[in-house]
């Protein structure tokens, strides 16, 4: 069985900075992520209601790859995001039960 690993980030942007935050993620954070071993995808969920938190999920091939990123690279990413945030990012980690999302896994692993 192959498992993926997910980091789920709750992001609370300053209201007037939301568009700038999204642009910064696209232009500065995404290129950093794409260079990381084991990184698969970033899934950003932008709420329809302005005051709600954004959720961003990063998917990784393995937990140890994600942990290496957390220790070595994520502090830099946090500094990039900091000016746009109302509160610090909240991060939770999960194992992805890949048997329930086979189409998604096939698409991701074919692209990787």
PDB file of N, CA and C in Angstrom:
ATOM      1  N   UNK A   1       0.826  -1.206   0.000  1.00  0.00           N
ATOM      2  CA  UNK A   1       0.000   0.000   0.000  1.00  0.00           C
ATOM      3  C   UNK A   1       0.863   1.259   0.000  1.00  0.00           C
ATOM      4  N   UNK A   2       0.547   2.171  -0.882  1.00  0.00           N
ATOM      5  CA  UNK A   2       1.222   3.478  -0.855  1.00  0.00           C
ATOM      6  C   UNK A   2       0.335   4.478  -0.160  1.00  0.00           C
ATOM      7  N   UNK A   3       0.910   5.174   0.778  1.00  0.00           N
ATOM      8  CA  UNK A   3       0.177   6.227   1.455  1.00  0.00           C
ATOM      9  C   UNK A   3       0.772   7.554   1.050  1.00  0.00           C
ATOM     10  N   UNK A   4      -0.054   8.559   1.056  1.00  0.00           N
ATOM     11  CA  UNK A   4       0.456   9.907   0.913  1.00  0.00           C
ATOM     12  C   UNK A   4       0.329  10.556   2.283  1.00  0.00           C
ATOM     13  N   UNK A   5       0.956  11.679   2.412  1.00  0.00           N
ATOM     14  CA  UNK A   5       0.934  12.410   3.663  1.00  0.00           C
ATOM     15  C   UNK A   5       0.451  13.816   3.360  1.00  0.00           C
ATOM     16  N   UNK A   6      -0.381  14.358   4.221  1.00  0.00           N
ATOM     17  CA  UNK A   6      -0.943  15.690   3.983  1.00  0.00           C
ATOM     18  C   UNK A   6      -0.663  16.611   5.160  1.00  0.00           C
ATOM     19  N   UNK A   7      -0.351  17.852   4.823  1.00  0.00           N
ATOM     20  CA  UNK A   7      -0.280  18.924   5.816  1.00  0.00           C
ATOM     21  C   UNK A   7      -1.426  19.864   5.486  1.00  0.00           C
ATOM     22  N   UNK A   8      -2.285  20.099   6.461  1.00  0.00           N
ATOM     23  CA  UNK A   8      -3.429  20.982   6.251  1.00  0.00           C
ATOM     24  C   UNK A   8      -3.191  22.259   7.045  1.00  0.00           C
ATOM     25  N   UNK A   9      -3.149  23.364   6.294  1.00  0.00           N
ATOM     26  CA  UNK A   9      -2.856  24.658   6.903  1.00  0.00           C
ATOM     27  C   UNK A   9      -4.108  25.518   6.923  1.00  0.00           C
ATOM     28  N   UNK A  10      -4.397  26.067   8.082  1.00  0.00           N
ATOM     29  CA  UNK A  10      -5.474  27.063   8.205  1.00  0.00           C
ATOM     30  C   UNK A  10      -4.816  28.425   8.164  1.00  0.00           C
ATOM     31  N   UNK A  11      -5.230  29.215   7.195  1.00  0.00           N
ATOM     32  CA  UNK A  11      -4.602  30.510   6.977  1.00  0.00           C
ATOM     33  C   UNK A  11      -5.649  31.604   7.149  1.00  0.00           C
ATOM     34  N   UNK A  12      -5.384  32.543   8.056  1.00  0.00           N
ATOM     35  CA  UNK A  12      -6.305  33.650   8.293  1.00  0.00           C
ATOM     36  C   UNK A  12      -5.665  34.932   7.786  1.00  0.00           C
ATOM     37  N   UNK A  13      -5.988  35.310   6.548  1.00  0.00           N
ATOM     38  CA  UNK A  13      -5.364  36.530   6.021  1.00  0.00           C
ATOM     39  C   UNK A  13      -5.982  37.779   6.617  1.00  0.00           C
ATOM     40  N   UNK A  14      -5.197  38.849   6.664  1.00  0.00           N
ATOM     41  CA  UNK A  14      -5.775  40.162   6.950  1.00  0.00           C
ATOM     42  C   UNK A  14      -6.718  40.439   5.781  1.00  0.00           C
ATOM     43  N   UNK A  15      -7.913  40.928   6.071  1.00  0.00           N
ATOM     44  CA  UNK A  15      -8.943  41.080   5.043  1.00  0.00           C
ATOM     45  C   UNK A  15      -8.463  41.832   3.803  1.00  0.00           C
ATOM     46  N   UNK A  16      -7.728  42.918   4.032  1.00  0.00           N
ATOM     47  CA  UNK A  16      -7.304  43.736   2.893  1.00  0.00           C
ATOM     48  C   UNK A  16      -6.116  43.111   2.154  1.00  0.00           C
ATOM     49  N   UNK A  17      -5.567  42.016   2.682  1.00  0.00           N
ATOM     50  CA  UNK A  17      -4.357  41.414   2.112  1.00  0.00           C
ATOM     51  C   UNK A  17      -4.627  40.083   1.409  1.00  0.00           C
ATOM     52  N   UNK A  18      -5.883  39.673   1.328  1.00  0.00           N
ATOM     53  CA  UNK A  18      -6.180  38.337   0.795  1.00  0.00           C
ATOM     54  C   UNK A  18      -5.660  38.139  -0.630  1.00  0.00           C
ATOM     55  N   UNK A  19      -5.939  39.080  -1.520  1.00  0.00           N
ATOM     56  CA  UNK A  19      -5.498  38.947  -2.912  1.00  0.00           C
ATOM     57  C   UNK A  19      -3.973  38.928  -3.017  1.00  0.00           C
ATOM     58  N   UNK A  20      -3.350  39.771  -2.209  1.00  0.00           N
ATOM     59  CA  UNK A  20      -1.885  39.825  -2.176  1.00  0.00           C
ATOM     60  C   UNK A  20      -1.298  38.507  -1.664  1.00  0.00           C
ATOM     61  N   UNK A  21      -1.971  37.936  -0.671  1.00  0.00           N
ATOM     62  CA  UNK A  21      -1.531  36.654  -0.115  1.00  0.00           C
ATOM     63  C   UNK A  21      -1.572  35.564  -1.187  1.00  0.00           C
ATOM     64  N   UNK A  22      -2.657  35.483  -1.920  1.00  0.00           N
ATOM     65  CA  UNK A  22      -2.801  34.469  -2.964  1.00  0.00           C
ATOM     66  C   UNK A  22      -1.717  34.654  -4.035  1.00  0.00           C
ATOM     67  N   UNK A  23      -1.474  35.888  -4.422  1.00  0.00           N
ATOM     68  CA  UNK A  23      -0.427  36.196  -5.406  1.00  0.00           C
ATOM     69  C   UNK A  23       0.954  35.760  -4.885  1.00  0.00           C
ATOM     70  N   UNK A  24       1.205  36.020  -3.602  1.00  0.00           N
ATOM     71  CA  UNK A  24       2.484  35.655  -2.991  1.00  0.00           C
ATOM     72  C   UNK A  24       2.656  34.138  -2.929  1.00  0.00           C
ATOM     73  N   UNK A  25       1.581  33.430  -2.598  1.00  0.00           N
ATOM     74  CA  UNK A  25       1.653  31.961  -2.581  1.00  0.00           C
ATOM     75  C   UNK A  25       2.004  31.460  -3.982  1.00  0.00           C
ATOM     76  N   UNK A  26       1.328  32.016  -4.983  1.00  0.00           N
ATOM     77  CA  UNK A  26       1.554  31.584  -6.368  1.00  0.00           C
ATOM     78  C   UNK A  26       2.983  31.900  -6.829  1.00  0.00           C
ATOM     79  N   UNK A  27       3.459  33.099  -6.537  1.00  0.00           N
ATOM     80  CA  UNK A  27       4.728  33.555  -7.098  1.00  0.00           C
ATOM     81  C   UNK A  27       5.961  33.203  -6.263  1.00  0.00           C
ATOM     82  N   UNK A  28       5.783  33.066  -4.937  1.00  0.00           N
ATOM     83  CA  UNK A  28       6.945  32.833  -4.073  1.00  0.00           C
ATOM     84  C   UNK A  28       6.940  31.475  -3.381  1.00  0.00           C
ATOM     85  N   UNK A  29       5.773  31.055  -2.866  1.00  0.00           N
ATOM     86  CA  UNK A  29       5.723  29.814  -2.089  1.00  0.00           C
ATOM     87  C   UNK A  29       5.685  28.587  -3.003  1.00  0.00           C
ATOM     88  N   UNK A  30       4.871  28.626  -4.026  1.00  0.00           N
ATOM     89  CA  UNK A  30       4.746  27.484  -4.939  1.00  0.00           C
ATOM     90  C   UNK A  30       6.089  27.078  -5.569  1.00  0.00           C
ATOM     91  N   UNK A  31       6.884  28.023  -6.065  1.00  0.00           N
ATOM     92  CA  UNK A  31       8.194  27.619  -6.608  1.00  0.00           C
ATOM     93  C   UNK A  31       9.088  26.923  -5.573  1.00  0.00           C
ATOM     94  N   UNK A  32       9.002  27.351  -4.314  1.00  0.00           N
ATOM     95  CA  UNK A  32       9.770  26.701  -3.242  1.00  0.00           C
ATOM     96  C   UNK A  32       9.267  25.270  -3.051  1.00  0.00           C
ATOM     97  N   UNK A  33       7.951  25.107  -2.966  1.00  0.00           N
ATOM     98  CA  UNK A  33       7.367  23.783  -2.773  1.00  0.00           C
ATOM     99  C   UNK A  33       7.759  22.826  -3.896  1.00  0.00           C
ATOM    100  N   UNK A  34       7.702  23.324  -5.126  1.00  0.00           N
ATOM    101  CA  UNK A  34       7.977  22.468  -6.287  1.00  0.00           C
ATOM    102  C   UNK A  34       9.397  21.914  -6.296  1.00  0.00           C
ATOM    103  N   UNK A  35      10.300  22.553  -5.572  1.00  0.00           N
ATOM    104  CA  UNK A  35      11.692  22.073  -5.499  1.00  0.00           C
ATOM    105  C   UNK A  35      11.884  21.014  -4.408  1.00  0.00           C
ATOM    106  N   UNK A  36      10.879  20.802  -3.568  1.00  0.00           N
ATOM    107  CA  UNK A  36      11.058  19.908  -2.424  1.00  0.00           C
ATOM    108  C   UNK A  36      10.877  18.448  -2.818  1.00  0.00           C
ATOM    109  N   UNK A  37      11.813  17.574  -2.392  1.00  0.00           N
ATOM    110  CA  UNK A  37      11.640  16.143  -2.645  1.00  0.00           C
ATOM    111  C   UNK A  37      10.365  15.639  -1.972  1.00  0.00           C
ATOM    112  N   UNK A  38       9.588  14.849  -2.688  1.00  0.00           N
ATOM    113  CA  UNK A  38       8.380  14.268  -2.110  1.00  0.00           C
ATOM    114  C   UNK A  38       7.140  15.128  -2.226  1.00  0.00           C
ATOM    115  N   UNK A  39       7.296  16.387  -2.622  1.00  0.00           N
ATOM    116  CA  UNK A  39       6.135  17.268  -2.778  1.00  0.00           C
ATOM    117  C   UNK A  39       5.320  16.831  -3.984  1.00  0.00           C
ATOM    118  N   UNK A  40       4.002  16.732  -3.802  1.00  0.00           N
ATOM    119  CA  UNK A  40       3.111  16.352  -4.899  1.00  0.00           C
ATOM    120  C   UNK A  40       2.231  17.493  -5.382  1.00  0.00           C
ATOM    121  N   UNK A  41       1.541  18.151  -4.440  1.00  0.00           N
ATOM    122  CA  UNK A  41       0.536  19.123  -4.884  1.00  0.00           C
ATOM    123  C   UNK A  41       0.167  20.064  -3.752  1.00  0.00           C
ATOM    124  N   UNK A  42      -0.262  21.259  -4.151  1.00  0.00           N
ATOM    125  CA  UNK A  42      -0.850  22.225  -3.223  1.00  0.00           C
ATOM    126  C   UNK A  42      -2.308  22.403  -3.630  1.00  0.00           C
ATOM    127  N   UNK A  43      -3.214  22.214  -2.696  1.00  0.00           N
ATOM    128  CA  UNK A  43      -4.642  22.417  -2.945  1.00  0.00           C
ATOM    129  C   UNK A  43      -5.101  23.600  -2.099  1.00  0.00           C
ATOM    130  N   UNK A  44      -5.284  24.775  -2.704  1.00  0.00           N
ATOM    131  CA  UNK A  44      -5.725  25.937  -1.941  1.00  0.00           C
ATOM    132  C   UNK A  44      -7.249  26.062  -1.980  1.00  0.00           C
ATOM    133  N   UNK A  45      -7.848  26.220  -0.835  1.00  0.00           N
ATOM    134  CA  UNK A  45      -9.298  26.408  -0.743  1.00  0.00           C
ATOM    135  C   UNK A  45      -9.560  27.824  -0.253  1.00  0.00           C
ATOM    136  N   UNK A  46     -10.124  28.640  -1.134  1.00  0.00           N
ATOM    137  CA  UNK A  46     -10.391  30.040  -0.812  1.00  0.00           C
ATOM    138  C   UNK A  46     -11.872  30.175  -0.498  1.00  0.00           C
ATOM    139  N   UNK A  47     -12.215  30.645   0.692  1.00  0.00           N
ATOM    140  CA  UNK A  47     -13.624  30.694   1.093  1.00  0.00           C
ATOM    141  C   UNK A  47     -14.426  31.698   0.280  1.00  0.00           C
ATOM    142  N   UNK A  48     -15.701  31.402   0.109  1.00  0.00           N
ATOM    143  CA  UNK A  48     -16.590  32.328  -0.588  1.00  0.00           C
ATOM    144  C   UNK A  48     -16.985  33.486   0.321  1.00  0.00           C
ATOM    145  N   UNK A  49     -16.935  33.250   1.626  1.00  0.00           N
ATOM    146  CA  UNK A  49     -17.245  34.310   2.592  1.00  0.00           C
ATOM    147  C   UNK A  49     -15.920  34.920   3.044  1.00  0.00           C
ATOM    148  N   UNK A  50     -15.778  36.212   2.857  1.00  0.00           N
ATOM    149  CA  UNK A  50     -14.492  36.897   3.054  1.00  0.00           C
ATOM    150  C   UNK A  50     -13.857  36.662   4.421  1.00  0.00           C
ATOM    151  N   UNK A  51     -14.669  36.598   5.477  1.00  0.00           N
ATOM    152  CA  UNK A  51     -14.095  36.517   6.830  1.00  0.00           C
ATOM    153  C   UNK A  51     -13.608  35.116   7.189  1.00  0.00           C
ATOM    154  N   UNK A  52     -13.957  34.109   6.398  1.00  0.00           N
ATOM    155  CA  UNK A  52     -13.553  32.751   6.751  1.00  0.00           C
ATOM    156  C   UNK A  52     -12.090  32.495   6.425  1.00  0.00           C
ATOM    157  N   UNK A  53     -11.535  31.491   7.105  1.00  0.00           N
ATOM    158  CA  UNK A  53     -10.139  31.123   6.894  1.00  0.00           C
ATOM    159  C   UNK A  53      -9.957  30.452   5.543  1.00  0.00           C
ATOM    160  N   UNK A  54      -8.784  30.627   4.967  1.00  0.00           N
ATOM    161  CA  UNK A  54      -8.386  29.835   3.813  1.00  0.00           C
ATOM    162  C   UNK A  54      -7.827  28.521   4.342  1.00  0.00           C
ATOM    163  N   UNK A  55      -7.930  27.479   3.547  1.00  0.00           N
ATOM    164  CA  UNK A  55      -7.321  26.205   3.890  1.00  0.00           C
ATOM    165  C   UNK A  55      -6.409  25.823   2.730  1.00  0.00           C
ATOM    166  N   UNK A  56      -5.189  25.422   3.049  1.00  0.00           N
ATOM    167  CA  UNK A  56      -4.278  24.949   2.013  1.00  0.00           C
ATOM    168  C   UNK A  56      -3.775  23.573   2.419  1.00  0.00           C
ATOM    169  N   UNK A  57      -3.858  22.632   1.492  1.00  0.00           N
ATOM    170  CA  UNK A  57      -3.386  21.280   1.756  1.00  0.00           C
ATOM    171  C   UNK A  57      -2.180  21.022   0.862  1.00  0.00           C
ATOM    172  N   UNK A  58      -1.079  20.608   1.480  1.00  0.00           N
ATOM    173  CA  UNK A  58       0.044  20.146   0.669  1.00  0.00           C
ATOM    174  C   UNK A  58       0.111  18.633   0.796  1.00  0.00           C
ATOM    175  N   UNK A  59       0.303  17.982  -0.343  1.00  0.00           N
ATOM    176  CA  UNK A  59       0.383  16.522  -0.384  1.00  0.00           C
ATOM    177  C   UNK A  59       1.817  16.097  -0.655  1.00  0.00           C
ATOM    178  N   UNK A  60       2.239  15.060   0.051  1.00  0.00           N
ATOM    179  CA  UNK A  60       3.622  14.581   0.014  1.00  0.00           C
ATOM    180  C   UNK A  60       3.624  13.072  -0.195  1.00  0.00           C
ATOM    181  N   UNK A  61       4.677  12.576  -0.846  1.00  0.00           N
ATOM    182  CA  UNK A  61       4.761  11.133  -1.066  1.00  0.00           C
ATOM    183  C   UNK A  61       4.997  10.390   0.241  1.00  0.00           C
ATOM    184  N   UNK A  62       5.730  11.012   1.157  1.00  0.00           N
ATOM    185  CA  UNK A  62       6.055  10.345   2.417  1.00  0.00           C
ATOM    186  C   UNK A  62       6.121  11.331   3.568  1.00  0.00           C
ATOM    187  N   UNK A  63       5.834  10.817   4.751  1.00  0.00           N
ATOM    188  CA  UNK A  63       5.871  11.644   5.952  1.00  0.00           C
ATOM    189  C   UNK A  63       7.258  12.243   6.175  1.00  0.00           C
ATOM    190  N   UNK A  64       8.319  11.437   5.959  1.00  0.00           N
ATOM    191  CA  UNK A  64       9.666  11.949   6.254  1.00  0.00           C
ATOM    192  C   UNK A  64      10.057  13.100   5.325  1.00  0.00           C
ATOM    193  N   UNK A  65       9.551  13.070   4.081  1.00  0.00           N
ATOM    194  CA  UNK A  65       9.828  14.176   3.154  1.00  0.00           C
ATOM    195  C   UNK A  65       9.147  15.455   3.658  1.00  0.00           C
ATOM    196  N   UNK A  66       7.906  15.308   4.113  1.00  0.00           N
ATOM    197  CA  UNK A  66       7.163  16.456   4.651  1.00  0.00           C
ATOM    198  C   UNK A  66       7.855  16.996   5.908  1.00  0.00           C
ATOM    199  N   UNK A  67       8.324  16.094   6.758  1.00  0.00           N
ATOM    200  CA  UNK A  67       9.000  16.522   7.990  1.00  0.00           C
ATOM    201  C   UNK A  67      10.301  17.265   7.693  1.00  0.00           C
ATOM    202  N   UNK A  68      11.022  16.810   6.682  1.00  0.00           N
ATOM    203  CA  UNK A  68      12.261  17.483   6.266  1.00  0.00           C
ATOM    204  C   UNK A  68      11.927  18.915   5.811  1.00  0.00           C
ATOM    205  N   UNK A  69      10.864  19.051   5.035  1.00  0.00           N
ATOM    206  CA  UNK A  69      10.408  20.370   4.585  1.00  0.00           C
ATOM    207  C   UNK A  69      10.038  21.252   5.786  1.00  0.00           C
ATOM    208  N   UNK A  70       9.299  20.680   6.727  1.00  0.00           N
ATOM    209  CA  UNK A  70       8.873  21.437   7.920  1.00  0.00           C
ATOM    210  C   UNK A  70      10.095  21.966   8.673  1.00  0.00           C
ATOM    211  N   UNK A  71      11.090  21.129   8.850  1.00  0.00           N
ATOM    212  CA  UNK A  71      12.273  21.508   9.625  1.00  0.00           C
ATOM    213  C   UNK A  71      13.197  22.471   8.882  1.00  0.00           C
ATOM    214  N   UNK A  72      13.352  22.265   7.571  1.00  0.00           N
ATOM    215  CA  UNK A  72      14.373  23.003   6.847  1.00  0.00           C
ATOM    216  C   UNK A  72      13.855  24.201   6.048  1.00  0.00           C
ATOM    217  N   UNK A  73      12.605  24.125   5.578  1.00  0.00           N
ATOM    218  CA  UNK A  73      12.129  25.127   4.622  1.00  0.00           C
ATOM    219  C   UNK A  73      10.909  25.917   5.116  1.00  0.00           C
ATOM    220  N   UNK A  74      10.004  25.267   5.840  1.00  0.00           N
ATOM    221  CA  UNK A  74       8.762  25.924   6.240  1.00  0.00           C
ATOM    222  C   UNK A  74       8.966  27.205   7.055  1.00  0.00           C
ATOM    223  N   UNK A  75       9.987  27.291   7.922  1.00  0.00           N
ATOM    224  CA  UNK A  75      10.192  28.570   8.636  1.00  0.00           C
ATOM    225  C   UNK A  75      10.363  29.749   7.674  1.00  0.00           C
ATOM    226  N   UNK A  76      11.048  29.520   6.559  1.00  0.00           N
ATOM    227  CA  UNK A  76      11.223  30.567   5.541  1.00  0.00           C
ATOM    228  C   UNK A  76       9.871  30.918   4.902  1.00  0.00           C
ATOM    229  N   UNK A  77       9.076  29.898   4.609  1.00  0.00           N
ATOM    230  CA  UNK A  77       7.745  30.107   4.013  1.00  0.00           C
ATOM    231  C   UNK A  77       6.868  30.905   4.980  1.00  0.00           C
ATOM    232  N   UNK A  78       6.932  30.557   6.256  1.00  0.00           N
ATOM    233  CA  UNK A  78       6.151  31.295   7.270  1.00  0.00           C
ATOM    234  C   UNK A  78       6.520  32.778   7.279  1.00  0.00           C
ATOM    235  N   UNK A  79       7.803  33.071   7.143  1.00  0.00           N
ATOM    236  CA  UNK A  79       8.259  34.474   7.116  1.00  0.00           C
ATOM    237  C   UNK A  79       7.721  35.205   5.884  1.00  0.00           C
ATOM    238  N   UNK A  80       7.654  34.502   4.753  1.00  0.00           N
ATOM    239  CA  UNK A  80       7.110  35.092   3.518  1.00  0.00           C
ATOM    240  C   UNK A  80       5.628  35.435   3.714  1.00  0.00           C
ATOM    241  N   UNK A  81       4.898  34.547   4.382  1.00  0.00           N
ATOM    242  CA  UNK A  81       3.447  34.728   4.553  1.00  0.00           C
ATOM    243  C   UNK A  81       3.083  35.705   5.671  1.00  0.00           C
ATOM    244  N   UNK A  82       3.956  35.839   6.643  1.00  0.00           N
ATOM    245  CA  UNK A  82       3.661  36.591   7.869  1.00  0.00           C
ATOM    246  C   UNK A  82       3.021  37.972   7.668  1.00  0.00           C
ATOM    247  N   UNK A  83       3.517  38.814   6.746  1.00  0.00           N
ATOM    248  CA  UNK A  83       2.929  40.159   6.599  1.00  0.00           C
ATOM    249  C   UNK A  83       1.452  40.157   6.177  1.00  0.00           C
ATOM    250  N   UNK A  84       0.983  39.043   5.640  1.00  0.00           N
ATOM    251  CA  UNK A  84      -0.390  38.973   5.125  1.00  0.00           C
ATOM    252  C   UNK A  84      -1.368  38.334   6.113  1.00  0.00           C
ATOM    253  N   UNK A  85      -0.856  37.844   7.229  1.00  0.00           N
ATOM    254  CA  UNK A  85      -1.679  37.030   8.129  1.00  0.00           C
ATOM    255  C   UNK A  85      -2.198  37.800   9.335  1.00  0.00           C
ATOM    256  N   UNK A  86      -3.445  37.517   9.697  1.00  0.00           N
ATOM    257  CA  UNK A  86      -4.029  38.090  10.916  1.00  0.00           C
ATOM    258  C   UNK A  86      -3.541  37.323  12.142  1.00  0.00           C
ATOM    259  N   UNK A  87      -3.388  36.007  12.001  1.00  0.00           N
ATOM    260  CA  UNK A  87      -2.870  35.149  13.084  1.00  0.00           C
ATOM    261  C   UNK A  87      -1.911  34.132  12.447  1.00  0.00           C
ATOM    262  N   UNK A  88      -1.021  33.530  13.243  1.00  0.00           N
ATOM    263  CA  UNK A  88      -0.111  32.532  12.670  1.00  0.00           C
ATOM    264  C   UNK A  88      -0.864  31.350  12.030  1.00  0.00           C
ATOM    265  N   UNK A  89      -0.209  30.736  11.073  1.00  0.00           N
ATOM    266  CA  UNK A  89      -0.770  29.571  10.382  1.00  0.00           C
ATOM    267  C   UNK A  89      -0.946  28.421  11.380  1.00  0.00           C
ATOM    268  N   UNK A  90      -2.076  27.731  11.293  1.00  0.00           N
ATOM    269  CA  UNK A  90      -2.314  26.531  12.104  1.00  0.00           C
ATOM    270  C   UNK A  90      -2.113  25.331  11.180  1.00  0.00           C
ATOM    271  N   UNK A  91      -1.268  24.389  11.601  1.00  0.00           N
ATOM    272  CA  UNK A  91      -0.958  23.236  10.753  1.00  0.00           C
ATOM    273  C   UNK A  91      -1.361  21.939  11.445  1.00  0.00           C
ATOM    274  N   UNK A  92      -2.016  21.071  10.694  1.00  0.00           N
ATOM    275  CA  UNK A  92      -2.304  19.720  11.166  1.00  0.00           C
ATOM    276  C   UNK A  92      -1.763  18.744  10.126  1.00  0.00           C
ATOM    277  N   UNK A  93      -1.396  17.552  10.581  1.00  0.00           N
ATOM    278  CA  UNK A  93      -0.838  16.572   9.649  1.00  0.00           C
ATOM    279  C   UNK A  93      -1.697  15.311   9.636  1.00  0.00           C
ATOM    280  N   UNK A  94      -1.782  14.710   8.457  1.00  0.00           N
ATOM    281  CA  UNK A  94      -2.625  13.533   8.261  1.00  0.00           C
ATOM    282  C   UNK A  94      -1.965  12.538   7.314  1.00  0.00           C
ATOM    283  N   UNK A  95      -2.297  11.284   7.495  1.00  0.00           N
ATOM    284  CA  UNK A  95      -2.012  10.275   6.479  1.00  0.00           C
ATOM    285  C   UNK A  95      -3.219  10.259   5.557  1.00  0.00           C
ATOM    286  N   UNK A  96      -2.984  10.178   4.247  1.00  0.00           N
ATOM    287  CA  UNK A  96      -4.085  10.150   3.287  1.00  0.00           C
ATOM    288  C   UNK A  96      -4.456   8.695   3.030  1.00  0.00           C
ATOM    289  N   UNK A  97      -5.702   8.363   3.252  1.00  0.00           N
ATOM    290  CA  UNK A  97      -6.178   7.004   3.001  1.00  0.00           C
ATOM    291  C   UNK A  97      -6.398   6.865   1.497  1.00  0.00           C
ATOM    292  N   UNK A  98      -5.343   6.474   0.810  1.00  0.00           N
ATOM    293  CA  UNK A  98      -5.336   6.518  -0.656  1.00  0.00           C
ATOM    294  C   UNK A  98      -6.289   5.511  -1.298  1.00  0.00           C
ATOM    295  N   UNK A  99      -6.716   4.501  -0.555  1.00  0.00           N
ATOM    296  CA  UNK A  99      -7.647   3.520  -1.142  1.00  0.00           C
ATOM    297  C   UNK A  99      -9.003   4.149  -1.448  1.00  0.00           C
ATOM    298  N   UNK A 100      -9.281   5.310  -0.864  1.00  0.00           N
ATOM    299  CA  UNK A 100     -10.579   5.965  -1.075  1.00  0.00           C
ATOM    300  C   UNK A 100     -10.542   7.015  -2.180  1.00  0.00           C
ATOM    301  N   UNK A 101      -9.360   7.303  -2.703  1.00  0.00           N
ATOM    302  CA  UNK A 101      -9.268   8.363  -3.717  1.00  0.00           C
ATOM    303  C   UNK A 101      -8.362   7.916  -4.862  1.00  0.00           C
ATOM    304  N   UNK A 102      -8.655   6.762  -5.405  1.00  0.00           N
ATOM    305  CA  UNK A 102      -7.760   6.133  -6.388  1.00  0.00           C
ATOM    306  C   UNK A 102      -7.552   6.977  -7.642  1.00  0.00           C
ATOM    307  N   UNK A 103      -8.608   7.612  -8.164  1.00  0.00           N
ATOM    308  CA  UNK A 103      -8.456   8.426  -9.382  1.00  0.00           C
ATOM    309  C   UNK A 103      -7.484   9.569  -9.142  1.00  0.00           C
ATOM    310  N   UNK A 104      -7.634  10.187  -8.004  1.00  0.00           N
ATOM    311  CA  UNK A 104      -6.784  11.318  -7.641  1.00  0.00           C
ATOM    312  C   UNK A 104      -5.328  10.869  -7.514  1.00  0.00           C
ATOM    313  N   UNK A 105      -5.118   9.760  -6.815  1.00  0.00           N
ATOM    314  CA  UNK A 105      -3.772   9.236  -6.623  1.00  0.00           C
ATOM    315  C   UNK A 105      -3.134   8.846  -7.957  1.00  0.00           C
ATOM    316  N   UNK A 106      -3.907   8.184  -8.801  1.00  0.00           N
ATOM    317  CA  UNK A 106      -3.395   7.799 -10.127  1.00  0.00           C
ATOM    318  C   UNK A 106      -2.985   9.030 -10.920  1.00  0.00           C
ATOM    319  N   UNK A 107      -3.808  10.056 -10.903  1.00  0.00           N
ATOM    320  CA  UNK A 107      -3.514  11.293 -11.646  1.00  0.00           C
ATOM    321  C   UNK A 107      -2.255  11.961 -11.113  1.00  0.00           C
ATOM    322  N   UNK A 108      -2.136  12.004  -9.777  1.00  0.00           N
ATOM    323  CA  UNK A 108      -0.965  12.643  -9.166  1.00  0.00           C
ATOM    324  C   UNK A 108       0.307  11.876  -9.447  1.00  0.00           C
ATOM    325  N   UNK A 109       0.262  10.560  -9.260  1.00  0.00           N
ATOM    326  CA  UNK A 109       1.482   9.776  -9.417  1.00  0.00           C
ATOM    327  C   UNK A 109       1.880   9.668 -10.882  1.00  0.00           C
ATOM    328  N   UNK A 110       0.912   9.770 -11.785  1.00  0.00           N
ATOM    329  CA  UNK A 110       1.238   9.775 -13.221  1.00  0.00           C
ATOM    330  C   UNK A 110       1.947  11.075 -13.592  1.00  0.00           C
ATOM    331  N   UNK A 111       1.550  12.155 -12.921  1.00  0.00           N
ATOM    332  CA  UNK A 111       2.132  13.471 -13.217  1.00  0.00           C
ATOM    333  C   UNK A 111       3.512  13.636 -12.575  1.00  0.00           C
ATOM    334  N   UNK A 112       3.732  12.936 -11.478  1.00  0.00           N
ATOM    335  CA  UNK A 112       4.990  13.103 -10.720  1.00  0.00           C
ATOM    336  C   UNK A 112       6.199  12.534 -11.460  1.00  0.00           C
TER     337      UNK A 112
END
